[in-house]
Amino acid sequence: DPAVRMILAEVLETLGYEMIQAEDGQEAARRLADGVKIDLLITDVGLPGMNGRQVADLARERHQELKVLFVTGYAEQAAVRSGFLDPGMDMILKPFAIEEISAKLRAMIEG
């Protein structure tokens, strides 16, 4: 979602982080194949084509300790209950407050 990407880019910039954006899972996969070093992957669960979990799994093939933050509009408990989140992964529900995403990003990146 372009609006969510824009908000995340502003939050990351405000916190002093750099962001590499991708419009969909396929573009994210291409960027990951370029070998770029990333500290945190932020992806929507429900992407067209390659979904967010598939992007995360691909990214973790290259960067095994990569932290992943999933953004979703779906019920968090359903995703957590089904074993969706592996260690180093977290989730935030849309809509979220800027303060909420800022705190979660800071904790994941710096923690």
C-alpha atoms as a PDB file:
ATOM      1  CA  ASP A   1       0.000   0.000   0.000  1.00  0.00           C
ATOM      2  CA  PRO A   2       1.662   3.270  -1.085  1.00  0.00           C
ATOM      3  CA  ALA A   3       0.205   5.218   1.861  1.00  0.00           C
ATOM      4  CA  VAL A   4       1.603   2.754   4.429  1.00  0.00           C
ATOM      5  CA  ARG A   5       5.003   2.774   2.676  1.00  0.00           C
ATOM      6  CA  MET A   6       5.013   6.577   2.772  1.00  0.00           C
ATOM      7  CA  ILE A   7       4.236   6.630   6.505  1.00  0.00           C
ATOM      8  CA  LEU A   8       6.893   4.017   7.253  1.00  0.00           C
ATOM      9  CA  ALA A   9       9.461   5.919   5.185  1.00  0.00           C
ATOM     10  CA  GLU A  10       8.733   9.106   7.136  1.00  0.00           C
ATOM     11  CA  VAL A  11       8.939   7.306  10.492  1.00  0.00           C
ATOM     12  CA  LEU A  12      12.217   5.589   9.573  1.00  0.00           C
ATOM     13  CA  GLU A  13      13.710   8.836   8.295  1.00  0.00           C
ATOM     14  CA  THR A  14      12.660  10.628  11.498  1.00  0.00           C
ATOM     15  CA  LEU A  15      14.326   7.875  13.543  1.00  0.00           C
ATOM     16  CA  GLY A  16      17.500   8.208  11.458  1.00  0.00           C
ATOM     17  CA  TYR A  17      17.182   4.970   9.476  1.00  0.00           C
ATOM     18  CA  GLU A  18      17.410   4.420   5.733  1.00  0.00           C
ATOM     19  CA  MET A  19      14.722   2.563   3.810  1.00  0.00           C
ATOM     20  CA  ILE A  20      14.770   0.638   0.564  1.00  0.00           C
ATOM     21  CA  GLN A  21      11.251   0.388  -0.843  1.00  0.00           C
ATOM     22  CA  ALA A  22       9.617  -2.222  -3.044  1.00  0.00           C
ATOM     23  CA  GLU A  23       6.121  -2.020  -4.481  1.00  0.00           C
ATOM     24  CA  ASP A  24       5.413  -5.760  -4.280  1.00  0.00           C
ATOM     25  CA  GLY A  25       6.911  -9.111  -3.353  1.00  0.00           C
ATOM     26  CA  GLN A  26       8.537  -9.662  -6.724  1.00  0.00           C
ATOM     27  CA  GLU A  27      10.352  -6.319  -6.574  1.00  0.00           C
ATOM     28  CA  ALA A  28      11.433  -7.082  -2.995  1.00  0.00           C
ATOM     29  CA  ALA A  29      12.806 -10.438  -4.155  1.00  0.00           C
ATOM     30  CA  ARG A  30      14.812  -8.696  -6.909  1.00  0.00           C
ATOM     31  CA  ARG A  31      16.236  -6.191  -4.430  1.00  0.00           C
ATOM     32  CA  LEU A  32      17.169  -8.984  -2.029  1.00  0.00           C
ATOM     33  CA  ALA A  33      18.904 -10.835  -4.872  1.00  0.00           C
ATOM     34  CA  ASP A  34      21.101  -7.755  -5.368  1.00  0.00           C
ATOM     35  CA  GLY A  35      22.746  -8.655  -2.039  1.00  0.00           C
ATOM     36  CA  VAL A  36      21.906  -5.408  -0.284  1.00  0.00           C
ATOM     37  CA  LYS A  37      22.495  -5.499   3.503  1.00  0.00           C
ATOM     38  CA  ILE A  38      19.332  -4.926   5.521  1.00  0.00           C
ATOM     39  CA  ASP A  39      18.715  -4.920   9.253  1.00  0.00           C
ATOM     40  CA  LEU A  40      14.927  -5.253   9.264  1.00  0.00           C
ATOM     41  CA  LEU A  41      12.393  -6.348   6.685  1.00  0.00           C
ATOM     42  CA  ILE A  42       8.989  -4.703   6.915  1.00  0.00           C
ATOM     43  CA  THR A  43       6.329  -6.335   4.765  1.00  0.00           C
ATOM     44  CA  ASP A  44       2.588  -6.501   4.517  1.00  0.00           C
ATOM     45  CA  VAL A  45       1.276 -10.029   4.961  1.00  0.00           C
ATOM     46  CA  GLY A  46      -1.173  -9.732   2.076  1.00  0.00           C
ATOM     47  CA  LEU A  47       0.909  -8.750  -0.932  1.00  0.00           C
ATOM     48  CA  PRO A  48      -0.261  -9.489  -4.474  1.00  0.00           C
ATOM     49  CA  GLY A  49       1.601 -12.404  -6.035  1.00  0.00           C
ATOM     50  CA  MET A  50       4.375 -13.357  -3.610  1.00  0.00           C
ATOM     51  CA  ASN A  51       2.949 -12.783  -0.111  1.00  0.00           C
ATOM     52  CA  GLY A  52       4.801 -11.219   2.801  1.00  0.00           C
ATOM     53  CA  ARG A  53       5.684 -14.523   4.449  1.00  0.00           C
ATOM     54  CA  GLN A  54       7.197 -15.784   1.192  1.00  0.00           C
ATOM     55  CA  VAL A  55       9.273 -12.591   0.929  1.00  0.00           C
ATOM     56  CA  ALA A  56      10.407 -13.041   4.543  1.00  0.00           C
ATOM     57  CA  ASP A  57      11.384 -16.668   3.960  1.00  0.00           C
ATOM     58  CA  LEU A  58      13.354 -15.708   0.853  1.00  0.00           C
ATOM     59  CA  ALA A  59      15.094 -12.897   2.721  1.00  0.00           C
ATOM     60  CA  ARG A  60      15.980 -15.214   5.591  1.00  0.00           C
ATOM     61  CA  GLU A  61      17.585 -17.669   3.170  1.00  0.00           C
ATOM     62  CA  ARG A  62      20.149 -14.928   2.477  1.00  0.00           C
ATOM     63  CA  HIS A  63      20.175 -13.274   5.922  1.00  0.00           C
ATOM     64  CA  GLN A  64      19.348 -15.970   8.495  1.00  0.00           C
ATOM     65  CA  GLU A  65      19.163 -13.636  11.506  1.00  0.00           C
ATOM     66  CA  LEU A  66      17.090 -10.992   9.710  1.00  0.00           C
ATOM     67  CA  LYS A  67      14.348  -9.451  11.811  1.00  0.00           C
ATOM     68  CA  VAL A  68      10.951  -9.202  10.124  1.00  0.00           C
ATOM     69  CA  LEU A  69       8.012  -6.958  10.947  1.00  0.00           C
ATOM     70  CA  PHE A  70       4.737  -7.957   9.323  1.00  0.00           C
ATOM     71  CA  VAL A  71       2.059  -5.325   8.805  1.00  0.00           C
ATOM     72  CA  THR A  72      -1.481  -6.636   8.524  1.00  0.00           C
ATOM     73  CA  GLY A  73      -5.092  -5.644   8.744  1.00  0.00           C
ATOM     74  CA  TYR A  74      -6.047  -9.133   9.874  1.00  0.00           C
ATOM     75  CA  ALA A  75      -6.441 -10.471  13.399  1.00  0.00           C
ATOM     76  CA  GLU A  76      -3.038 -10.855  15.055  1.00  0.00           C
ATOM     77  CA  GLN A  77      -4.133 -13.784  17.198  1.00  0.00           C
ATOM     78  CA  ALA A  78      -5.082 -15.891  14.186  1.00  0.00           C
ATOM     79  CA  ALA A  79      -1.649 -15.386  12.621  1.00  0.00           C
ATOM     80  CA  VAL A  80       0.221 -16.017  15.866  1.00  0.00           C
ATOM     81  CA  ARG A  81      -1.898 -19.053  16.743  1.00  0.00           C
ATOM     82  CA  SER A  82      -1.207 -20.696  13.395  1.00  0.00           C
ATOM     83  CA  GLY A  83       2.566 -20.535  13.951  1.00  0.00           C
ATOM     84  CA  PHE A  84       3.024 -17.709  11.439  1.00  0.00           C
ATOM     85  CA  LEU A  85       5.719 -15.903  13.441  1.00  0.00           C
ATOM     86  CA  ASP A  86       9.174 -17.407  13.837  1.00  0.00           C
ATOM     87  CA  PRO A  87      11.772 -16.082  16.294  1.00  0.00           C
ATOM     88  CA  GLY A  88      12.879 -12.581  15.304  1.00  0.00           C
ATOM     89  CA  MET A  89       9.513 -11.837  13.719  1.00  0.00           C
ATOM     90  CA  ASP A  90       6.802  -9.531  14.995  1.00  0.00           C
ATOM     91  CA  MET A  91       3.532  -8.123  13.747  1.00  0.00           C
ATOM     92  CA  ILE A  92       1.703  -4.821  13.873  1.00  0.00           C
ATOM     93  CA  LEU A  93      -1.943  -4.306  13.019  1.00  0.00           C
ATOM     94  CA  LYS A  94      -3.259  -1.638  10.665  1.00  0.00           C
ATOM     95  CA  PRO A  95      -4.259   0.984  11.380  1.00  0.00           C
ATOM     96  CA  PHE A  96      -1.433   1.842  13.760  1.00  0.00           C
ATOM     97  CA  ALA A  97      -0.370   5.043  15.478  1.00  0.00           C
ATOM     98  CA  ILE A  98       2.945   6.631  14.502  1.00  0.00           C
ATOM     99  CA  GLU A  99       4.116   6.260  18.125  1.00  0.00           C
ATOM    100  CA  GLU A 100       3.267   2.544  18.075  1.00  0.00           C
ATOM    101  CA  ILE A 101       5.181   1.778  14.879  1.00  0.00           C
ATOM    102  CA  SER A 102       8.086   3.983  15.999  1.00  0.00           C
ATOM    103  CA  ALA A 103       8.419   2.084  19.274  1.00  0.00           C
ATOM    104  CA  LYS A 104       8.146  -1.302  17.564  1.00  0.00           C
ATOM    105  CA  LEU A 105      10.747  -0.409  14.921  1.00  0.00           C
ATOM    106  CA  ARG A 106      13.154   0.969  17.506  1.00  0.00           C
ATOM    107  CA  ALA A 107      12.790  -2.130  19.692  1.00  0.00           C
ATOM    108  CA  MET A 108      13.326  -4.511  16.794  1.00  0.00           C
ATOM    109  CA  ILE A 109      16.260  -2.678  15.215  1.00  0.00           C
ATOM    110  CA  GLU A 110      18.074  -1.733  18.389  1.00  0.00           C
ATOM    111  CA  GLY A 111      17.010  -4.673  20.548  1.00  0.00           C
END
